[in-house]
């Protein structure tokens, strides 16, 4: 029997994190959740922050649980997180405050401030990144304009996964895929967009040396290894932006042109390109060019995703009427089809609050039937997301000049079978759904490539397909969905 590799993947989402231990026997991957924890932002004095030291504590707990359960012989560790957010270190490598949360309101008005200095088209040409209010570019512009003391005293900026890697290894590196989310990185030259940054008076001397997925950041510091009872385990730069890891796990075999949805709080929908597309069409559709494994480009669109259902459920919980996701899906399936439709990316839906009320207000404003029951609200969200996916595919095909015949959905969102089914119906394409733990699996694939256990990404994706169940949904009721799609487009255009 050959070597059994053990890879420890830390996957941090916007609301929770987990340590997943993968075992690989050369043919198949098995996953075991070793540690799960909440990721709770902290609001204080009007600011919204990440509790970064607690998150590092949870990393140590994940390693410790592996050691205490007989899995101390870990081959390497990889960390992925959400994008754009960062921490600042001073000249002594001490952290200058808690990192801001991307939903903090300090970026309000920063579009106008940025575009007054640099035209929107020039920013897109320089970076290839879509315009989102939370991008690092606008966070740093807000910090600069407010006279933020931490930025003034900063010697190093590290994005969240880079900061956690630094805590583990003492090595300061910036990983390519996470840097690419910032709207400060030139997707064509793979260097910082220094001309853009200088025009916005953002410092250019605070960035660490670049590493790419599959390169080693360092090893676990000696004091940590002793504390946790493990060896000085290598820490690998995976695709440390969680979507980059999720896309690495898409189980396509002998297929170059494929479209994917990384489905969770956000729906990240796109294709894999060899080079960035910064055409006028890409700018018009607000498509983005983020980095991927093997220096590929994740040409995609950010869509609001299951945040709408999650935030609705939180409101019903506050009202004492909490239902499980399965119960909500059952009620939604029983609701009238196409009665009410929304734009999932409508600005009022972007921030926490009473989501069912906001959805009703949108429907009332657009002259539609106003959803009243929980099932009606959830069905409205699910159908609208499916139409948004179809609209995005049409835009992708228009901009790239290619035809995409199937949709691959990965991530936790595939547990919502109704949305998978609606996506097949709305897009009129076969939907392949799986794996659920896409981000952790993609993290593991890059670790396996780093140690030579997997030859390349193509082989890795084949291993994913052989290791995990993939569900298939075929499109149905084409005429009804086509008619409802035309209705949805008119509603969107009316806003």
Protein backbone atom coordinates (compact mmCIF):
# COMPACT_ATOMS: atom_id res chain seq x y z
CA UNK A 1 0.00 0.00 0.00
CA UNK A 2 1.34 3.44 -0.95
CA UNK A 3 1.67 6.51 1.20
CA UNK A 4 -1.47 8.03 2.65
CA UNK A 5 -1.10 11.80 2.44
CA UNK A 6 -2.72 14.04 5.03
CA UNK A 7 -3.59 17.61 4.11
CA UNK A 8 -5.15 20.08 6.54
CA UNK A 9 -7.32 22.72 4.87
CA UNK A 10 -8.59 25.75 6.77
CA UNK A 11 -11.56 27.31 5.01
CA UNK A 12 -12.85 30.63 6.38
CA UNK A 13 -16.18 31.98 5.20
CA UNK A 14 -17.89 35.21 6.13
CA UNK A 15 -19.91 33.54 8.90
CA UNK A 16 -18.03 30.36 9.85
CA UNK A 17 -14.81 28.44 9.43
CA UNK A 18 -13.63 24.86 9.61
CA UNK A 19 -10.56 22.69 9.64
CA UNK A 20 -10.92 19.83 7.18
CA UNK A 21 -8.46 16.93 7.19
CA UNK A 22 -8.10 15.25 3.82
CA UNK A 23 -6.56 11.83 3.31
CA UNK A 24 -5.38 10.90 -0.17
CA UNK A 25 -4.36 7.38 -1.15
CA UNK A 26 -3.29 8.23 -4.68
CA UNK A 27 -6.75 7.59 -6.15
CA UNK A 28 -9.43 9.16 -3.97
CA UNK A 29 -9.76 11.91 -1.38
CA UNK A 30 -11.69 11.50 1.85
CA UNK A 31 -12.58 14.47 4.05
CA UNK A 32 -13.11 14.70 7.78
CA UNK A 33 -14.22 17.82 9.59
CA UNK A 34 -11.91 18.23 12.58
CA UNK A 35 -13.05 21.59 13.86
CA UNK A 36 -15.88 24.03 13.06
CA UNK A 37 -16.38 27.48 14.53
CA UNK A 38 -18.38 30.63 13.96
CA UNK A 39 -16.83 33.73 12.44
CA UNK A 40 -18.59 36.62 14.10
CA UNK A 41 -17.83 40.22 13.12
CA UNK A 42 -17.60 42.72 15.94
CA UNK A 43 -19.17 46.18 15.75
CA UNK A 44 -17.71 48.78 18.10
CA UNK A 45 -17.59 52.59 18.03
CA UNK A 46 -19.33 52.61 14.67
CA UNK A 47 -16.82 50.29 12.97
CA UNK A 48 -17.26 46.68 11.86
CA UNK A 49 -14.24 44.40 12.31
CA UNK A 50 -13.02 40.80 12.09
CA UNK A 51 -11.90 39.19 15.36
CA UNK A 52 -8.64 38.05 13.79
CA UNK A 53 -6.90 36.83 16.94
CA UNK A 54 -9.83 34.60 17.77
CA UNK A 55 -9.67 33.19 14.24
CA UNK A 56 -6.00 32.39 14.71
CA UNK A 57 -6.90 30.71 18.02
CA UNK A 58 -9.37 28.54 16.06
CA UNK A 59 -6.59 27.55 13.63
CA UNK A 60 -4.53 26.35 16.58
CA UNK A 61 -7.52 24.41 17.88
CA UNK A 62 -7.90 22.71 14.50
CA UNK A 63 -4.25 21.62 14.50
CA UNK A 64 -4.50 20.52 18.13
CA UNK A 65 -7.58 18.39 17.44
CA UNK A 66 -5.72 16.64 14.64
CA UNK A 67 -2.78 15.96 16.92
CA UNK A 68 -4.97 14.68 19.77
CA UNK A 69 -6.92 12.34 17.47
CA UNK A 70 -3.83 10.59 16.12
CA UNK A 71 -3.44 12.69 12.97
CA UNK A 72 -0.36 14.66 13.95
CA UNK A 73 1.55 13.46 10.86
CA UNK A 74 0.15 16.19 8.61
CA UNK A 75 2.00 16.71 5.33
CA UNK A 76 1.06 20.36 4.93
CA UNK A 77 -1.45 23.09 5.75
CA UNK A 78 -3.32 25.52 3.49
CA UNK A 79 -5.58 28.48 4.32
CA UNK A 80 -8.27 30.13 2.19
CA UNK A 81 -10.61 32.99 3.13
CA UNK A 82 -12.92 35.59 1.65
CA UNK A 83 -11.31 38.36 -0.40
CA UNK A 84 -10.41 42.07 -0.20
CA UNK A 85 -9.92 42.52 3.58
CA UNK A 86 -6.49 43.04 5.12
CA UNK A 87 -4.44 43.69 8.24
CA UNK A 88 -1.62 46.19 8.74
CA UNK A 89 1.68 45.53 10.51
CA UNK A 90 4.06 48.13 11.96
CA UNK A 91 7.86 48.18 11.69
CA UNK A 92 8.06 45.55 14.45
CA UNK A 93 5.52 43.29 12.70
CA UNK A 94 2.89 44.06 15.31
CA UNK A 95 -0.73 44.18 14.17
CA UNK A 96 -2.12 47.71 13.98
CA UNK A 97 -5.70 47.03 15.06
CA UNK A 98 -8.36 44.57 14.00
CA UNK A 99 -8.97 44.28 10.24
CA UNK A 100 -12.09 46.01 8.98
CA UNK A 101 -15.01 43.92 7.73
CA UNK A 102 -15.83 44.45 4.05
CA UNK A 103 -19.43 45.39 4.97
CA UNK A 104 -18.21 48.32 7.08
CA UNK A 105 -19.73 51.58 5.86
CA UNK A 106 -16.49 53.57 5.64
CA UNK A 107 -16.39 52.97 1.87
CA UNK A 108 -19.64 54.93 1.36
CA UNK A 109 -18.96 57.64 -1.22
CA UNK A 110 -15.58 56.24 -2.24
CA UNK A 111 -16.67 55.50 -5.81
CA UNK A 112 -17.19 59.21 -6.36
CA UNK A 113 -13.89 60.07 -4.66
CA UNK A 114 -11.97 57.53 -6.76
CA UNK A 115 -13.58 58.41 -10.08
CA UNK A 116 -12.90 62.11 -9.49
CA UNK A 117 -9.20 61.22 -9.49
CA UNK A 118 -9.09 58.34 -11.98
CA UNK A 119 -11.76 57.57 -14.62
CA UNK A 120 -13.69 54.37 -14.05
CA UNK A 121 -12.58 53.01 -17.43
CA UNK A 122 -8.93 53.53 -16.53
CA UNK A 123 -9.32 51.66 -13.24
CA UNK A 124 -10.85 48.71 -15.09
CA UNK A 125 -8.17 48.73 -17.78
CA UNK A 126 -5.47 48.77 -15.08
CA UNK A 127 -6.89 45.97 -12.94
CA UNK A 128 -9.61 44.07 -14.84
CA UNK A 129 -11.61 43.94 -11.60
CA UNK A 130 -15.34 44.61 -11.33
CA UNK A 131 -16.59 47.51 -9.26
CA UNK A 132 -17.72 46.51 -5.78
CA UNK A 133 -18.06 49.03 -2.96
CA UNK A 134 -16.00 46.81 -0.63
CA UNK A 135 -12.89 46.37 -2.82
CA UNK A 136 -9.58 46.98 -1.06
CA UNK A 137 -8.94 49.97 -3.32
CA UNK A 138 -11.89 51.86 -1.79
CA UNK A 139 -11.11 50.66 1.73
CA UNK A 140 -7.59 52.09 1.48
CA UNK A 141 -8.83 55.28 -0.16
CA UNK A 142 -11.26 55.73 2.73
CA UNK A 143 -8.42 55.13 5.20
CA UNK A 144 -6.18 57.63 3.42
CA UNK A 145 -8.83 60.34 3.22
CA UNK A 146 -9.79 59.93 6.88
CA UNK A 147 -6.18 60.19 8.03
CA UNK A 148 -6.25 56.67 9.44
CA UNK A 149 -3.35 56.35 11.89
CA UNK A 150 -2.86 52.64 11.25
CA UNK A 151 -2.29 53.22 7.54
CA UNK A 152 0.10 56.08 8.28
CA UNK A 153 2.20 53.79 10.51
CA UNK A 154 1.93 50.64 8.39
CA UNK A 155 5.05 48.97 7.01
CA UNK A 156 3.29 45.89 5.63
CA UNK A 157 -0.20 45.09 4.33
CA UNK A 158 -1.27 41.45 4.40
CA UNK A 159 -4.59 40.14 3.17
CA UNK A 160 -6.47 37.93 5.64
CA UNK A 161 -5.07 34.52 4.55
CA UNK A 162 -1.59 36.04 4.24
CA UNK A 163 -1.90 37.45 7.75
CA UNK A 164 -2.92 34.07 9.15
CA UNK A 165 -0.02 32.43 7.28
CA UNK A 166 2.27 35.02 8.85
CA UNK A 167 1.00 34.18 12.32
CA UNK A 168 1.78 30.51 11.61
CA UNK A 169 5.17 30.88 9.95
CA UNK A 170 6.58 34.35 10.59
CA UNK A 171 6.89 34.78 6.79
CA UNK A 172 5.25 37.78 5.10
CA UNK A 173 4.01 36.88 1.63
CA UNK A 174 1.10 37.98 -0.58
CA UNK A 175 -0.65 35.20 -2.49
CA UNK A 176 -1.63 35.89 -6.09
CA UNK A 177 -5.34 34.97 -6.10
CA UNK A 178 -6.15 36.99 -2.97
CA UNK A 179 -4.16 40.00 -4.23
CA UNK A 180 -6.15 39.89 -7.46
CA UNK A 181 -9.43 40.62 -5.60
CA UNK A 182 -8.20 44.00 -4.37
CA UNK A 183 -8.69 46.06 -7.56
CA UNK A 184 -5.10 47.21 -7.05
CA UNK A 185 -3.32 44.42 -8.96
CA UNK A 186 -2.63 44.49 -12.71
CA UNK A 187 -4.13 41.25 -14.04
CA UNK A 188 -2.11 41.46 -17.24
CA UNK A 189 1.40 42.14 -15.87
CA UNK A 190 0.98 40.36 -12.49
CA UNK A 191 2.34 43.42 -10.68
CA UNK A 192 0.76 46.04 -8.46
CA UNK A 193 -1.00 48.79 -10.43
CA UNK A 194 1.38 51.41 -9.08
CA UNK A 195 0.29 54.16 -11.47
CA UNK A 196 -3.30 53.84 -10.29
CA UNK A 197 -2.32 53.68 -6.63
CA UNK A 198 -0.12 56.77 -6.88
CA UNK A 199 -2.97 58.76 -8.42
CA UNK A 200 -5.11 57.82 -5.42
CA UNK A 201 -2.28 58.58 -2.96
CA UNK A 202 -2.27 54.99 -1.70
CA UNK A 203 1.17 53.78 -0.53
CA UNK A 204 2.87 51.28 -2.82
CA UNK A 205 5.69 50.21 -0.49
CA UNK A 206 3.60 48.19 1.96
CA UNK A 207 3.05 45.04 -0.13
CA UNK A 208 4.88 41.78 0.58
CA UNK A 209 6.61 39.56 -1.98
CA UNK A 210 4.25 37.56 -4.22
CA UNK A 211 3.74 33.79 -4.06
CA UNK A 212 1.55 31.64 -6.30
CA UNK A 213 -0.69 28.65 -5.55
CA UNK A 214 1.45 25.59 -4.88
CA UNK A 215 4.45 27.49 -3.50
CA UNK A 216 5.54 27.08 0.11
CA UNK A 217 5.11 30.09 2.38
CA UNK A 218 7.16 28.64 5.23
CA UNK A 219 6.89 26.12 8.04
CA UNK A 220 5.09 26.18 11.34
CA UNK A 221 7.12 28.25 13.81
CA UNK A 222 9.08 26.21 16.33
CA UNK A 223 7.21 27.62 19.35
CA UNK A 224 3.83 26.85 17.78
CA UNK A 225 4.91 23.34 16.80
CA UNK A 226 5.95 22.69 20.39
CA UNK A 227 2.75 24.22 21.78
CA UNK A 228 0.56 22.07 19.51
CA UNK A 229 2.59 18.87 19.67
CA UNK A 230 3.31 18.59 15.95
CA UNK A 231 6.28 18.92 13.64
CA UNK A 232 7.16 22.13 11.84
CA UNK A 233 4.58 21.44 9.16
CA UNK A 234 4.99 23.16 5.75
CA UNK A 235 2.41 25.88 5.08
CA UNK A 236 1.45 26.05 1.40
CA UNK A 237 0.06 29.01 -0.50
CA UNK A 238 -3.10 27.51 -1.95
CA UNK A 239 -5.56 29.54 -4.01
CA UNK A 240 -6.12 31.50 -0.84
CA UNK A 241 -9.16 33.36 -2.14
CA UNK A 242 -11.92 30.90 -1.34
CA UNK A 243 -13.50 31.17 -4.78
CA UNK A 244 -10.14 30.37 -6.35
CA UNK A 245 -10.00 27.18 -4.31
CA UNK A 246 -13.62 26.34 -5.13
CA UNK A 247 -13.01 26.72 -8.86
CA UNK A 248 -9.96 24.44 -8.61
CA UNK A 249 -12.32 21.67 -7.45
CA UNK A 250 -14.80 21.91 -10.35
CA UNK A 251 -14.88 18.25 -11.46
CA UNK A 252 -14.65 18.76 -15.22
CA UNK A 253 -12.86 16.10 -17.23
CA UNK A 254 -11.64 16.71 -20.81
CA UNK A 255 -13.59 19.96 -20.91
CA UNK A 256 -11.87 23.32 -21.39
CA UNK A 257 -14.85 25.65 -21.86
CA UNK A 258 -17.06 25.31 -18.80
CA UNK A 259 -19.12 27.67 -16.71
CA UNK A 260 -19.23 27.40 -12.94
CA UNK A 261 -21.13 28.78 -9.98
CA UNK A 262 -19.46 28.76 -6.58
CA UNK A 263 -22.67 28.84 -4.58
CA UNK A 264 -22.92 30.09 -1.02
CA UNK A 265 -23.57 33.47 0.60
CA UNK A 266 -22.36 34.85 -2.73
CA UNK A 267 -22.85 33.24 -6.12
CA UNK A 268 -19.61 33.59 -8.07
CA UNK A 269 -20.42 32.67 -11.65
CA UNK A 270 -17.90 32.56 -14.43
CA UNK A 271 -15.46 30.82 -16.74
CA UNK A 272 -11.75 30.04 -16.71
CA UNK A 273 -9.56 32.03 -19.13
CA UNK A 274 -5.87 31.99 -19.99
CA UNK A 275 -5.69 35.81 -20.09
CA UNK A 276 -7.78 38.69 -18.72
CA UNK A 277 -10.65 40.13 -20.72
CA UNK A 278 -10.82 43.91 -20.18
CA UNK A 279 -13.07 44.64 -23.15
CA UNK A 280 -15.80 47.26 -23.18
CA UNK A 281 -18.32 44.42 -22.94
CA UNK A 282 -16.68 43.07 -19.78
CA UNK A 283 -16.84 46.54 -18.21
CA UNK A 284 -20.46 47.00 -19.24
CA UNK A 285 -21.47 43.68 -17.63
CA UNK A 286 -19.29 44.40 -14.56
CA UNK A 287 -17.38 41.14 -15.04
CA UNK A 288 -14.16 40.66 -13.14
CA UNK A 289 -10.75 39.10 -13.85
CA UNK A 290 -9.48 37.41 -10.69
CA UNK A 291 -6.49 35.12 -10.40
CA UNK A 292 -6.72 31.34 -10.40
CA UNK A 293 -4.50 28.28 -10.03
CA UNK A 294 -1.74 28.09 -12.67
CA UNK A 295 -2.05 31.87 -13.12
CA UNK A 296 -5.32 31.45 -14.95
CA UNK A 297 -8.06 34.07 -14.85
CA UNK A 298 -11.39 33.55 -13.13
CA UNK A 299 -13.60 35.67 -15.40
CA UNK A 300 -16.72 35.96 -13.33
CA UNK A 301 -19.56 37.99 -11.89
CA UNK A 302 -20.40 38.46 -8.22
CA UNK A 303 -24.09 37.77 -7.61
CA UNK A 304 -25.76 38.25 -4.24
CA UNK A 305 -26.51 34.52 -3.80
CA UNK A 306 -27.96 32.75 -0.78
CA UNK A 307 -27.34 35.83 1.38
CA UNK A 308 -30.93 36.77 0.52
CA UNK A 309 -32.32 33.54 1.99
CA UNK A 310 -29.91 33.58 4.93
CA UNK A 311 -30.77 37.15 5.87
CA UNK A 312 -34.50 36.48 5.50
CA UNK A 313 -34.16 33.49 7.79
CA UNK A 314 -32.31 35.62 10.36
CA UNK A 315 -35.23 38.08 10.32
CA UNK A 316 -37.76 35.31 10.86
CA UNK A 317 -35.60 34.04 13.72
CA UNK A 318 -35.71 37.50 15.32
CA UNK A 319 -39.48 37.36 15.01
CA UNK A 320 -39.57 33.96 16.74
CA UNK A 321 -40.56 32.07 13.59
CA UNK A 322 -37.37 30.19 12.67
CA UNK A 323 -37.73 27.36 10.16
CA UNK A 324 -35.07 25.04 8.77
CA UNK A 325 -33.83 25.50 5.21
CA UNK A 326 -35.59 22.25 4.26
CA UNK A 327 -38.90 23.54 5.65
CA UNK A 328 -38.49 26.82 3.77
CA UNK A 329 -37.76 24.92 0.56
CA UNK A 330 -40.89 22.81 1.00
CA UNK A 331 -43.03 25.93 1.45
CA UNK A 332 -41.35 27.59 -1.55
CA UNK A 333 -42.05 24.59 -3.77
CA UNK A 334 -45.73 24.87 -2.86
CA UNK A 335 -45.90 28.61 -3.69
CA UNK A 336 -47.21 30.02 -6.98
CA UNK A 337 -44.52 30.08 -9.71
CA UNK A 338 -43.26 33.41 -11.08
CA UNK A 339 -45.66 35.48 -8.97
CA UNK A 340 -42.96 37.91 -7.78
CA UNK A 341 -39.42 38.52 -9.07
CA UNK A 342 -36.50 40.70 -7.97
CA UNK A 343 -33.00 41.73 -8.98
CA UNK A 344 -30.81 39.85 -6.47
CA UNK A 345 -28.16 42.59 -6.80
CA UNK A 346 -30.52 45.48 -6.01
CA UNK A 347 -28.58 47.87 -3.71
CA UNK A 348 -31.12 47.68 -0.88
CA UNK A 349 -30.41 43.94 -0.55
CA UNK A 350 -26.68 44.37 0.06
CA UNK A 351 -26.64 45.13 3.79
CA UNK A 352 -27.97 43.29 6.87
CA UNK A 353 -31.55 44.00 7.90
CA UNK A 354 -35.16 43.02 7.36
CA UNK A 355 -34.77 41.27 3.99
CA UNK A 356 -38.39 40.04 3.60
CA UNK A 357 -39.62 43.63 4.06
CA UNK A 358 -37.12 44.93 1.48
CA UNK A 359 -38.20 42.26 -1.01
CA UNK A 360 -41.86 43.23 -0.50
CA UNK A 361 -40.97 46.89 -1.01
CA UNK A 362 -39.18 46.03 -4.28
CA UNK A 363 -42.20 44.07 -5.54
CA UNK A 364 -44.61 46.84 -4.55
CA UNK A 365 -42.40 49.44 -6.27
CA UNK A 366 -42.36 47.41 -9.49
CA UNK A 367 -46.12 46.78 -9.52
CA UNK A 368 -45.98 43.07 -8.78
CA UNK A 369 -47.82 40.78 -6.41
CA UNK A 370 -46.25 41.35 -3.00
CA UNK A 371 -45.06 38.05 -1.45
CA UNK A 372 -46.51 37.55 2.02
CA UNK A 373 -45.66 34.04 3.20
CA UNK A 374 -42.18 32.67 3.84
CA UNK A 375 -42.62 30.25 0.95
CA UNK A 376 -43.52 33.06 -1.42
CA UNK A 377 -40.47 35.10 -0.37
CA UNK A 378 -38.07 32.15 -0.77
CA UNK A 379 -39.54 31.14 -4.14
CA UNK A 380 -39.19 34.74 -5.32
CA UNK A 381 -35.51 34.67 -4.36
CA UNK A 382 -34.82 31.24 -5.92
CA UNK A 383 -36.49 31.99 -9.28
CA UNK A 384 -34.84 35.41 -9.46
CA UNK A 385 -31.40 33.93 -8.81
CA UNK A 386 -31.96 31.38 -11.57
CA UNK A 387 -32.85 34.18 -14.01
CA UNK A 388 -29.80 36.15 -12.92
CA UNK A 389 -27.68 33.11 -13.74
CA UNK A 390 -29.22 32.87 -17.22
CA UNK A 391 -28.63 36.57 -17.81
CA UNK A 392 -25.00 36.20 -16.73
CA UNK A 393 -24.43 33.21 -19.04
CA UNK A 394 -25.79 35.21 -21.95
CA UNK A 395 -23.40 38.04 -21.09
CA UNK A 396 -20.46 35.64 -20.77
CA UNK A 397 -21.17 34.11 -24.15
CA UNK A 398 -21.52 37.55 -25.73
CA UNK A 399 -18.22 38.83 -24.29
CA UNK A 400 -16.10 35.69 -24.77
CA UNK A 401 -17.62 34.52 -28.06
CA UNK A 402 -17.94 31.00 -26.72
CA UNK A 403 -20.90 28.70 -26.06
CA UNK A 404 -21.32 27.04 -22.66
CA UNK A 405 -23.60 24.03 -22.69
CA UNK A 406 -23.50 22.97 -19.03
CA UNK A 407 -23.37 24.66 -15.66
CA UNK A 408 -21.22 23.26 -12.85
CA UNK A 409 -22.41 24.31 -9.39
CA UNK A 410 -20.09 23.68 -6.45
CA UNK A 411 -20.22 24.59 -2.77
CA UNK A 412 -22.73 24.52 0.04
CA UNK A 413 -25.48 26.06 -2.09
CA UNK A 414 -26.01 22.76 -3.90
CA UNK A 415 -27.79 21.52 -0.78
CA UNK A 416 -30.66 23.70 -2.00
CA UNK A 417 -31.96 21.28 -4.63
CA UNK A 418 -34.72 23.67 -5.62
CA UNK A 419 -32.26 26.33 -6.78
CA UNK A 420 -30.23 23.71 -8.67
CA UNK A 421 -33.41 22.56 -10.41
CA UNK A 422 -34.52 26.13 -11.14
CA UNK A 423 -31.06 26.93 -12.54
CA UNK A 424 -31.33 24.05 -15.03
CA UNK A 425 -34.84 25.20 -16.02
CA UNK A 426 -33.99 28.89 -16.36
CA UNK A 427 -30.69 28.44 -18.22
CA UNK A 428 -31.95 25.52 -20.35
CA UNK A 429 -28.69 23.74 -19.63
CA UNK A 430 -27.71 20.60 -17.79
CA UNK A 431 -26.62 21.40 -14.24
CA UNK A 432 -23.96 19.26 -12.56
CA UNK A 433 -23.95 19.92 -8.81
CA UNK A 434 -21.06 18.96 -6.56
CA UNK A 435 -18.93 18.68 -4.59
CA UNK A 436 -20.43 20.37 -1.52
CA UNK A 437 -17.08 21.01 0.19
CA UNK A 438 -15.65 22.55 -2.96
CA UNK A 439 -13.45 25.17 -1.33
CA UNK A 440 -11.76 22.77 1.08
CA UNK A 441 -11.28 20.24 -1.72
CA UNK A 442 -9.70 22.79 -4.05
CA UNK A 443 -7.46 23.86 -1.18
CA UNK A 444 -6.39 20.22 -0.78
CA UNK A 445 -5.79 19.71 -4.51
CA UNK A 446 -3.25 22.54 -4.57
CA UNK A 447 -1.53 21.16 -1.47
CA UNK A 448 -1.34 17.77 -3.19
CA UNK A 449 0.15 19.38 -6.29
CA UNK A 450 2.70 21.17 -4.10
CA UNK A 451 4.08 17.91 -2.66
CA UNK A 452 3.89 15.99 -5.95
CA UNK A 453 1.02 13.73 -4.91
CA UNK A 454 -1.07 15.06 -7.82
CA UNK A 455 0.55 15.84 -11.14
CA UNK A 456 -1.50 18.85 -12.23
CA UNK A 457 -4.89 20.54 -11.97
CA UNK A 458 -6.43 18.39 -14.70
CA UNK A 459 -5.56 15.24 -12.76
CA UNK A 460 -6.78 16.88 -9.57
CA UNK A 461 -10.19 17.59 -11.07
CA UNK A 462 -10.45 13.99 -12.27
CA UNK A 463 -9.70 12.81 -8.74
CA UNK A 464 -12.45 15.10 -7.40
CA UNK A 465 -14.95 13.56 -9.82
CA UNK A 466 -13.91 10.06 -8.74
CA UNK A 467 -14.05 10.92 -5.04
CA UNK A 468 -17.35 12.75 -4.56
CA UNK A 469 -20.98 12.44 -5.64
CA UNK A 470 -22.13 14.71 -8.47
CA UNK A 471 -25.88 15.27 -8.97
CA UNK A 472 -27.29 16.03 -12.42
CA UNK A 473 -30.35 18.19 -13.17
CA UNK A 474 -31.86 18.38 -16.65
CA UNK A 475 -33.90 21.39 -17.81
CA UNK A 476 -37.72 21.18 -17.85
CA UNK A 477 -40.70 23.41 -18.76
CA UNK A 478 -38.70 25.52 -21.22
CA UNK A 479 -41.65 27.55 -22.52
CA UNK A 480 -42.87 28.62 -19.08
CA UNK A 481 -39.38 29.58 -17.95
CA UNK A 482 -38.69 31.48 -21.18
CA UNK A 483 -41.84 33.55 -20.73
CA UNK A 484 -41.06 34.27 -17.09
CA UNK A 485 -37.49 35.27 -18.01
CA UNK A 486 -38.83 37.94 -20.36
CA UNK A 487 -41.04 39.18 -17.50
CA UNK A 488 -37.99 39.27 -15.17
CA UNK A 489 -35.94 41.29 -17.68
CA UNK A 490 -38.70 43.91 -17.99
CA UNK A 491 -38.90 44.21 -14.19
CA UNK A 492 -35.12 44.66 -13.93
CA UNK A 493 -35.07 47.26 -16.68
CA UNK A 494 -37.83 49.23 -14.95
CA UNK A 495 -35.74 49.89 -11.83
